Protein backbone atom coordinates (compact mmCIF):
# COMPACT_ATOMS: atom_id res chain seq x y z
CA MET A 1 -13.74 13.59 13.98
CA ASN A 2 -10.95 15.56 12.31
CA THR A 3 -8.79 12.42 12.18
CA LEU A 4 -11.56 10.60 10.29
CA ARG A 5 -11.80 13.57 7.93
CA GLN A 6 -8.06 13.45 7.32
CA ALA A 7 -8.14 9.72 6.67
CA TYR A 8 -11.03 10.09 4.21
CA PHE A 9 -9.30 12.74 2.11
CA CYS A 10 -5.93 11.00 2.42
CA VAL A 11 -7.38 7.85 0.83
CA LEU A 12 -8.95 9.86 -2.00
CA ASP A 13 -5.74 11.80 -2.63
CA ASN A 14 -3.05 9.17 -2.13
CA TYR A 15 -4.39 5.62 -2.45
CA TYR A 16 -3.63 3.82 -5.72
CA SER A 17 -7.18 4.18 -7.03
CA GLY A 18 -8.21 7.05 -4.74
CA PRO A 19 -8.56 9.70 -7.47
CA VAL A 20 -11.19 7.60 -9.28
CA MET A 21 -12.88 6.13 -6.21
CA ASP A 22 -16.52 6.71 -5.40
CA SER A 23 -16.37 8.68 -2.17
CA ARG A 24 -19.78 7.28 -1.22
CA ALA A 25 -18.30 3.81 -0.84
CA LEU A 26 -15.73 5.10 1.66
CA LEU A 27 -18.35 6.83 3.78
CA LYS A 28 -20.64 3.81 3.65
CA SER A 29 -17.85 1.59 5.03
CA ALA A 30 -17.06 4.17 7.70
CA LEU A 31 -20.66 4.51 8.92
CA ALA A 32 -21.23 0.75 8.85
CA ALA A 33 -18.26 0.24 11.20
CA TYR A 34 -19.32 3.25 13.31
CA THR A 35 -22.85 1.98 13.90
CA GLN A 36 -21.68 -1.60 14.51
CA ASP A 37 -19.39 -0.36 17.26
CA LEU A 38 -22.26 1.57 18.87
CA ILE A 39 -24.53 -1.48 18.71
CA ARG A 40 -21.92 -3.71 20.36
CA ARG A 41 -21.76 -1.27 23.27
CA GLY A 42 -25.54 -0.77 23.47
CA ALA A 43 -25.17 2.87 22.45
CA ASP A 44 -26.92 3.02 19.08
CA ARG A 45 -28.53 6.37 18.23
CA ALA A 46 -32.01 6.90 16.86
CA GLY A 47 -31.96 8.63 13.50
CA LEU A 48 -28.31 7.81 12.78
CA ARG A 49 -28.24 6.89 9.10
CA LEU A 50 -26.26 7.57 5.97
CA PRO A 51 -27.35 10.86 4.41
CA ALA A 52 -28.11 11.23 0.72
CA LEU A 53 -24.77 11.37 -1.05
CA THR A 54 -23.91 12.81 -4.45
CA GLY A 55 -20.46 11.43 -5.25
CA ASN A 56 -18.87 14.84 -4.73
CA ARG A 57 -16.26 14.21 -2.07
CA ASP A 58 -16.51 17.62 -0.39
CA THR A 59 -20.28 17.91 -0.19
CA ASP A 60 -20.57 14.26 0.82
CA TRP A 61 -18.14 14.76 3.68
CA ALA A 62 -20.06 17.83 4.88
CA ALA A 63 -23.33 15.87 4.92
CA PHE A 64 -21.68 12.90 6.64
CA ALA A 65 -20.02 15.07 9.29
CA LYS A 66 -23.32 16.84 10.01
CA VAL A 67 -24.99 13.49 10.77
CA LEU A 68 -22.23 12.41 13.16
CA GLY A 69 -21.83 15.75 14.91
CA THR A 70 -18.99 15.61 17.43
CA GLY A 71 -19.08 11.82 17.17
CA ASP A 72 -18.39 9.00 19.62
CA PRO A 73 -14.58 8.63 20.04
CA ALA A 74 -14.52 4.84 20.13
CA ALA A 75 -16.93 4.54 17.22
CA LEU A 76 -14.92 7.08 15.23
CA ARG A 77 -11.82 4.93 15.64
CA ALA A 78 -13.85 1.95 14.44
CA ALA A 79 -15.03 4.05 11.48
CA ILE A 80 -11.45 4.73 10.34
CA THR A 81 -10.58 1.04 10.68
CA GLY A 82 -13.75 0.08 8.77
CA MET A 83 -13.15 2.62 6.03
CA VAL A 84 -9.63 1.30 5.40
CA ALA A 85 -10.82 -2.33 5.62
CA GLY A 86 -13.42 -1.47 2.96
CA LEU A 87 -10.57 -0.98 0.48
CA HIS A 88 -9.96 -4.77 0.66
CA ASP A 89 -6.25 -4.14 0.26
CA ASN A 90 -3.75 -6.25 2.23
CA HIS A 91 -1.22 -3.40 2.31
CA ALA A 92 -3.64 -0.67 3.44
CA ARG A 93 -4.02 -0.26 7.18
CA TRP A 94 -4.43 2.25 9.98
CA VAL A 95 -1.84 2.01 12.73
CA ARG A 96 -2.00 3.58 16.18
CA PRO A 97 1.52 3.46 17.65
CA THR A 98 1.60 2.51 21.31
CA PRO A 99 4.55 2.79 23.68
CA PRO A 100 6.18 -0.49 24.69
CA PRO A 101 4.85 -1.86 27.99
CA GLU A 102 6.84 -1.15 31.12
CA GLY A 103 9.05 -4.07 32.00
CA GLY A 104 9.27 -5.32 28.41
CA PRO A 105 6.97 -7.26 26.09
CA VAL A 106 4.44 -9.77 27.40
CA GLY A 107 2.50 -12.57 25.76
CA THR A 108 1.90 -16.31 25.83
CA GLY A 109 4.90 -17.05 23.66
CA ILE A 110 2.90 -18.79 20.93
CA VAL A 111 4.05 -16.78 17.93
CA GLY A 112 3.15 -19.09 15.06
CA VAL A 113 0.14 -21.18 14.06
CA SER A 114 -0.34 -23.16 10.87
CA ALA A 115 -3.15 -20.99 9.47
CA GLY A 116 -1.48 -17.71 10.39
CA GLN A 117 -1.17 -15.09 7.66
CA GLY A 118 -0.28 -11.79 9.28
CA PRO A 119 -2.94 -10.75 11.81
CA GLN A 120 -5.58 -12.94 10.14
CA PHE A 121 -6.02 -16.57 9.17
CA ASP A 122 -5.37 -17.82 5.67
CA PRO A 123 -8.79 -18.06 3.96
CA ALA A 124 -7.59 -21.28 2.31
CA ALA A 125 -6.29 -22.83 5.56
CA ARG A 126 -6.83 -26.56 5.95
CA PRO A 127 -7.35 -28.29 9.30
CA PRO A 128 -5.94 -29.18 11.70
CA LEU A 129 -4.79 -25.93 13.28
CA PHE A 130 -1.45 -26.48 14.96
CA ILE A 131 1.28 -24.49 16.67
CA THR A 132 4.37 -23.81 14.56
CA ARG A 133 6.56 -21.66 16.81
CA VAL A 134 6.96 -21.16 20.57
CA LEU A 135 9.38 -18.65 22.11
CA PRO A 136 11.92 -20.23 24.49
CA GLY A 137 11.36 -19.40 28.15
CA SER A 138 7.83 -18.08 27.50
CA PRO A 139 4.70 -19.11 29.44
CA ALA A 140 3.83 -21.52 26.59
CA ALA A 141 7.27 -23.13 26.66
CA LYS A 142 7.09 -23.51 30.44
CA ALA A 143 3.70 -25.23 30.00
CA ASP A 144 5.39 -27.77 27.67
CA ILE A 145 3.55 -26.48 24.59
CA ARG A 146 5.55 -27.45 21.53
CA PRO A 147 5.54 -26.89 17.76
CA GLY A 148 3.26 -29.48 16.21
CA ASP A 149 0.73 -29.47 19.07
CA ILE A 150 -2.74 -29.45 17.53
CA MET A 151 -5.15 -26.82 18.87
CA VAL A 152 -8.49 -28.57 19.34
CA LYS A 153 -10.32 -25.82 21.24
CA VAL A 154 -9.65 -22.25 22.40
CA ASN A 155 -11.66 -21.28 25.51
CA GLY A 156 -13.97 -24.16 24.67
CA VAL A 157 -14.53 -22.97 21.09
CA PRO A 158 -13.66 -25.58 18.43
CA THR A 159 -10.82 -24.55 16.11
CA VAL A 160 -12.34 -26.50 13.24
CA ILE A 161 -15.94 -26.53 12.05
CA GLY A 162 -16.58 -29.36 9.62
CA ASP A 163 -13.52 -29.31 7.38
CA THR A 164 -12.85 -25.57 7.80
CA VAL A 165 -10.62 -23.71 10.24
CA ASN A 166 -12.78 -21.54 12.51
CA HIS A 167 -11.64 -17.97 11.79
CA GLY A 168 -13.75 -16.76 14.69
CA ILE A 169 -11.19 -17.94 17.24
CA ILE A 170 -8.69 -15.19 16.35
CA ASP A 171 -10.16 -12.77 18.91
CA VAL A 172 -10.69 -15.57 21.44
CA PHE A 173 -7.05 -16.60 21.16
CA ALA A 174 -6.01 -13.07 22.26
CA SER A 175 -7.84 -13.32 25.60
CA ASP A 176 -5.91 -13.46 28.87
CA PRO A 177 -5.95 -16.02 30.31
CA VAL A 178 -6.63 -18.35 27.42
CA ARG A 179 -7.58 -22.00 27.80
CA LEU A 180 -6.18 -24.28 25.12
CA THR A 181 -7.18 -27.86 24.45
CA LEU A 182 -4.18 -29.44 22.74
CA LYS A 183 -3.47 -32.77 21.11
CA ARG A 184 0.09 -34.03 20.76
CA PRO A 185 0.41 -35.80 17.39
CA THR A 186 3.21 -38.13 18.50
CA THR A 187 1.18 -39.66 21.34
CA GLY A 188 -2.45 -38.77 20.63
CA ARG A 189 -2.70 -37.38 24.16
CA THR A 190 -5.16 -34.51 24.67
CA ARG A 191 -4.87 -32.03 27.54
CA THR A 192 -6.20 -28.59 28.50
CA VAL A 193 -3.82 -25.83 29.54
CA GLU A 194 -4.67 -22.40 30.91
CA LEU A 195 -2.11 -19.85 29.76
CA ARG A 196 -1.56 -16.41 31.20
CA GLN A 197 0.51 -13.78 29.50
CA GLY A 198 3.95 -13.21 30.95
CA PRO A 199 7.34 -11.75 30.02
CA ILE A 200 8.64 -12.88 26.64
CA THR A 201 11.91 -12.28 24.86
CA ARG A 202 11.79 -11.56 21.16
CA GLN A 203 15.10 -11.83 19.35
CA PRO A 204 15.63 -9.62 16.29
CA PRO A 205 15.30 -11.56 13.03
CA LYS A 206 18.52 -13.02 11.70
CA VAL A 207 19.75 -15.24 8.91
CA THR A 208 20.83 -18.75 9.87
CA SER A 209 22.54 -21.38 7.77
CA LYS A 210 23.84 -24.95 7.83
CA LYS A 211 25.42 -27.46 5.45
CA LEU A 212 23.16 -30.18 4.11
CA PRO A 213 24.13 -33.71 3.05
CA GLY A 214 25.77 -33.50 -0.36
CA GLY A 215 27.27 -30.07 0.28
CA ALA A 216 24.29 -27.76 -0.38
CA ILE A 217 23.92 -24.79 1.96
CA TYR A 218 20.58 -24.30 3.70
CA VAL A 219 19.79 -20.67 4.54
CA GLN A 220 16.74 -19.53 6.48
CA LEU A 221 15.63 -15.95 5.84
CA PRO A 222 12.82 -14.83 8.20
CA GLY A 223 12.16 -11.48 6.50
CA PHE A 224 13.41 -9.03 3.89
CA TYR A 225 14.46 -6.51 6.53
CA GLU A 226 17.21 -3.96 5.92
CA GLY A 227 20.51 -5.71 5.31
CA ALA A 228 18.91 -9.16 4.93
CA ALA A 229 20.20 -9.73 1.39
CA ASP A 230 23.80 -9.02 2.37
CA GLN A 231 23.45 -11.35 5.36
CA VAL A 232 22.34 -14.18 3.08
CA ILE A 233 25.11 -13.43 0.57
CA ALA A 234 27.66 -13.46 3.40
CA GLU A 235 26.55 -16.99 4.33
CA LEU A 236 27.19 -18.05 0.72
CA GLN A 237 30.68 -16.64 0.21
CA SER A 238 32.00 -20.16 -0.40
CA LYS A 239 29.89 -20.17 -3.58
CA PRO A 240 28.27 -23.56 -2.94
CA GLU A 241 27.06 -25.64 -5.84
CA ALA A 242 23.50 -25.49 -4.49
CA VAL A 243 21.48 -23.30 -2.12
CA VAL A 244 18.25 -24.18 -0.33
CA LEU A 245 16.70 -20.83 0.63
CA ASP A 246 13.96 -21.23 3.24
CA LEU A 247 11.39 -18.43 3.00
CA ARG A 248 8.62 -20.20 4.93
CA GLY A 249 7.05 -17.79 7.38
CA ASN A 250 8.77 -14.82 5.72
CA GLY A 251 6.27 -11.98 6.01
CA GLY A 252 8.05 -9.64 3.58
CA GLY A 253 9.87 -6.36 3.92
CA SER A 254 11.80 -4.15 1.52
CA PRO A 255 11.54 -4.54 -2.28
CA ARG A 256 15.15 -3.31 -2.45
CA GLU A 257 16.32 -6.33 -0.48
CA VAL A 258 14.48 -8.56 -2.96
CA THR A 259 16.25 -7.13 -6.01
CA ARG A 260 19.62 -7.22 -4.23
CA LEU A 261 19.32 -10.87 -3.23
CA LEU A 262 18.08 -11.86 -6.68
CA GLY A 263 21.20 -10.19 -8.08
CA ALA A 264 23.27 -12.97 -6.51
CA PHE A 265 21.51 -15.51 -8.75
CA ALA A 266 20.94 -13.61 -12.02
CA HIS A 267 21.74 -10.34 -13.76
CA GLY A 268 19.75 -8.31 -16.24
CA LYS A 269 16.36 -9.67 -15.18
CA VAL A 270 13.09 -7.86 -14.51
CA THR A 271 11.91 -8.95 -11.07
CA SER A 272 8.51 -7.20 -10.96
CA TYR A 273 6.61 -4.11 -12.05
CA PHE A 274 5.15 -1.23 -10.02
CA CYS A 275 2.17 0.20 -11.88
CA PRO A 276 0.51 3.57 -11.22
CA LEU A 277 -3.17 4.12 -11.86
CA LYS A 278 -2.30 5.99 -15.04
CA GLY A 279 0.88 5.81 -17.07
CA ASP A 280 3.48 3.17 -17.71
CA CYS A 281 4.51 0.46 -15.28
CA VAL A 282 8.03 0.83 -13.85
CA PRO A 283 10.16 -2.34 -13.99
CA ASN A 284 12.20 -3.46 -10.99
CA ARG A 285 15.45 -5.21 -11.92
CA THR A 286 18.08 -7.42 -10.35
CA ASP A 287 20.87 -5.55 -8.57
CA ASP A 288 23.69 -6.34 -10.98
CA SER A 289 26.31 -4.85 -8.66
CA VAL A 290 26.06 -8.09 -6.64
CA PRO A 291 28.54 -10.76 -7.80
CA LEU A 292 26.90 -13.87 -9.17
CA LEU A 293 27.17 -16.98 -7.02
CA GLY A 294 26.60 -19.47 -9.81
CA SER A 295 24.66 -21.71 -7.42
CA ARG A 296 21.63 -23.85 -8.18
CA LEU A 297 18.66 -22.56 -6.17
CA VAL A 298 15.75 -24.24 -4.43
CA VAL A 299 13.33 -21.94 -2.59
CA LEU A 300 11.05 -23.24 0.18
CA THR A 301 7.73 -21.36 0.45
CA ASP A 302 4.47 -21.62 2.34
CA ARG A 303 1.23 -19.71 2.85
CA ALA A 304 2.96 -17.34 5.28
CA CYS A 305 5.43 -16.24 2.59
CA ALA A 306 3.91 -12.83 1.89
CA SER A 307 4.51 -9.42 0.33
CA ALA A 308 8.22 -9.11 -0.57
CA CYS A 309 8.39 -12.91 -0.19
CA ASP A 310 5.65 -13.24 -2.84
CA ASP A 311 7.69 -10.83 -4.94
CA PHE A 312 10.92 -12.84 -4.62
CA SER A 313 9.17 -16.15 -5.31
CA ALA A 314 7.47 -14.82 -8.45
CA ALA A 315 10.80 -13.52 -9.75
CA VAL A 316 12.44 -16.92 -9.21
CA LYS A 317 9.52 -18.70 -10.90
CA ASP A 318 9.06 -16.43 -13.91
CA ASN A 319 12.77 -16.02 -14.63
CA ALA A 320 13.52 -19.75 -14.15
CA LEU A 321 16.15 -18.95 -11.51
CA GLY A 322 15.36 -22.00 -9.41
CA THR A 323 12.75 -24.43 -8.16
CA LEU A 324 9.95 -23.66 -5.67
CA VAL A 325 9.11 -26.33 -3.09
CA GLY A 326 6.45 -26.30 -0.37
CA THR A 327 3.06 -24.67 -0.83
CA ARG A 328 1.67 -21.69 -2.76
CA THR A 329 2.68 -18.31 -1.33
CA ALA A 330 0.26 -15.99 0.48
CA GLY A 331 -0.61 -13.67 -2.40
CA ALA A 332 -0.49 -10.61 -0.13
CA VAL A 333 1.39 -8.20 -2.39
CA SER A 334 -0.96 -5.46 -3.59
CA GLY A 335 1.82 -2.87 -3.63
CA PRO A 336 4.33 -1.22 -1.28
CA GLY A 337 2.66 0.97 1.32
CA GLU A 338 3.56 4.56 2.18
CA GLY A 339 2.80 6.11 5.56
CA TYR A 340 0.77 9.29 6.16
CA LEU A 341 0.80 10.87 9.61
CA LEU A 342 -2.61 11.95 10.94
CA ASP A 343 -3.28 14.61 13.55
CA ASP A 344 -3.67 12.20 16.48
CA GLY A 345 -0.27 10.59 15.90
CA SER A 346 -1.70 7.59 14.08
CA VAL A 347 -0.45 6.54 10.64
CA LEU A 348 -2.43 5.63 7.55
CA ILE A 349 -0.52 3.23 5.28
CA LEU A 350 -1.61 3.16 1.65
CA PRO A 351 -0.12 1.71 -1.57
CA LYS A 352 0.37 4.25 -4.37
CA VAL A 353 1.18 1.63 -7.03
CA ARG A 354 0.14 -1.92 -7.89
CA HIS A 355 2.55 -4.85 -7.97
CA LEU A 356 2.74 -7.17 -10.97
CA GLY A 357 5.03 -10.16 -11.47
CA PRO A 358 7.84 -10.28 -14.07
CA ASP A 359 5.38 -11.58 -16.67
CA ARG A 360 3.02 -8.71 -15.75
CA GLU A 361 0.74 -11.17 -13.99
CA ILE A 362 -1.21 -10.37 -10.81
CA ILE A 363 0.29 -12.14 -7.80
CA ASP A 364 -1.88 -10.36 -5.22
CA THR A 365 -4.62 -12.61 -3.76
CA ILE A 366 -3.41 -15.46 -6.02
CA GLY A 367 0.07 -16.28 -4.74
CA VAL A 368 2.89 -18.07 -6.52
CA PRO A 369 2.38 -21.81 -7.15
CA VAL A 370 5.20 -24.20 -6.27
CA ASP A 371 6.87 -26.68 -8.60
CA HIS A 372 6.80 -29.42 -5.96
CA TYR A 373 4.12 -29.64 -3.26
CA ALA A 374 5.60 -30.44 0.17
CA PRO A 375 3.50 -29.08 3.06
CA MET A 376 4.63 -29.17 6.67
CA THR A 377 2.31 -31.21 8.92
CA ALA A 378 1.82 -31.20 12.67
CA LEU A 379 3.49 -34.60 12.93
CA ASP A 380 6.45 -33.36 10.87
CA LEU A 381 6.98 -30.49 13.30
CA ALA A 382 6.54 -32.68 16.35
CA THR A 383 9.10 -35.22 15.12
CA GLY A 384 11.59 -32.81 13.57
CA ARG A 385 11.00 -33.93 9.99
CA ASP A 386 11.12 -31.37 7.18
CA PRO A 387 9.41 -32.49 3.96
CA GLY A 388 10.52 -29.33 2.14
CA VAL A 389 14.21 -29.91 2.79
CA ALA A 390 13.81 -33.62 2.05
CA LYS A 391 12.28 -32.83 -1.35
CA ALA A 392 14.97 -30.24 -2.07
CA LEU A 393 17.69 -32.84 -1.45
CA THR A 394 16.10 -35.24 -3.94
CA LEU A 395 16.08 -32.44 -6.54
CA LEU A 396 19.72 -31.59 -5.92
């Protein structure tokens, strides 16, 4: 109960709009999640309802706490999750660190699906739903599951309803074992595979590169992790005439890595703004200590390009630093999150500022549109074709 209290006041004190929030909305979200958890477990309580609230955060908490009493531990955890989810902020979350499993990580080895956008599905996802990445040596790889395989059903539940991806299969997909009905696009063959979790090996993210026909350098950057910008720059020391930077599937990372990498392509540019609730927005700028490459730039993006990847893409677009190819970015860039340690060892992550693009436009929930639409299909993955790279070569 004290952890819920801490989370409540932490949001009001530290979240971007916390100081002007209606505390009643927070408590409503918390009790809704609390009661829903009780109902799912057949443990609902008679007389459990939201008390009359005034909008005064202290008196409202006292009334709320009196109704819950000592509280149900599992429902209280659900209440914290529900309260944070009620902010509708893609960079606000409650994290409960867990020790790594003995013997190393386990899973099916399917680590990418076409509609994936963080832990959820893209609300704009189009069918079919297909696998985009399988870890080598994993249970999925051993079962001959490959990128491009179309997921028709998960435990008998259709992955598509009408012309919409079924978001309800997210929880089903996490079951162990999981039964997948798959269709291979190259042959049209459909089969059902039962997968059990097993040992998997996750390699740390790294930058990879190769030379393309015509002399352009292709660089794949999986995330804006610490040191990522310098790794990309190291791959481009030859100062190629053109660079194809692949940010598809890049879930974000550090804003500092964004400004450093942009500094290799332009100097003296505003890359974004961080805006507090009150006061002036603070501009972020290219790191002009980075030597300019002088290379033409094509950036490949998709709906899994999120957060710092949204940030980078918007800076390229607004400052005319290059051409965007692929599909619109995720639009998951509300603002950088800061962590707050709670008394049970869990961490509440909340943005203190709002992100705006270089033209002071909102990127969050909207994403950055591409200049040339070139989506990856299941058949492309299955046959090794890359429409994004193909389009980039025609532009270069």
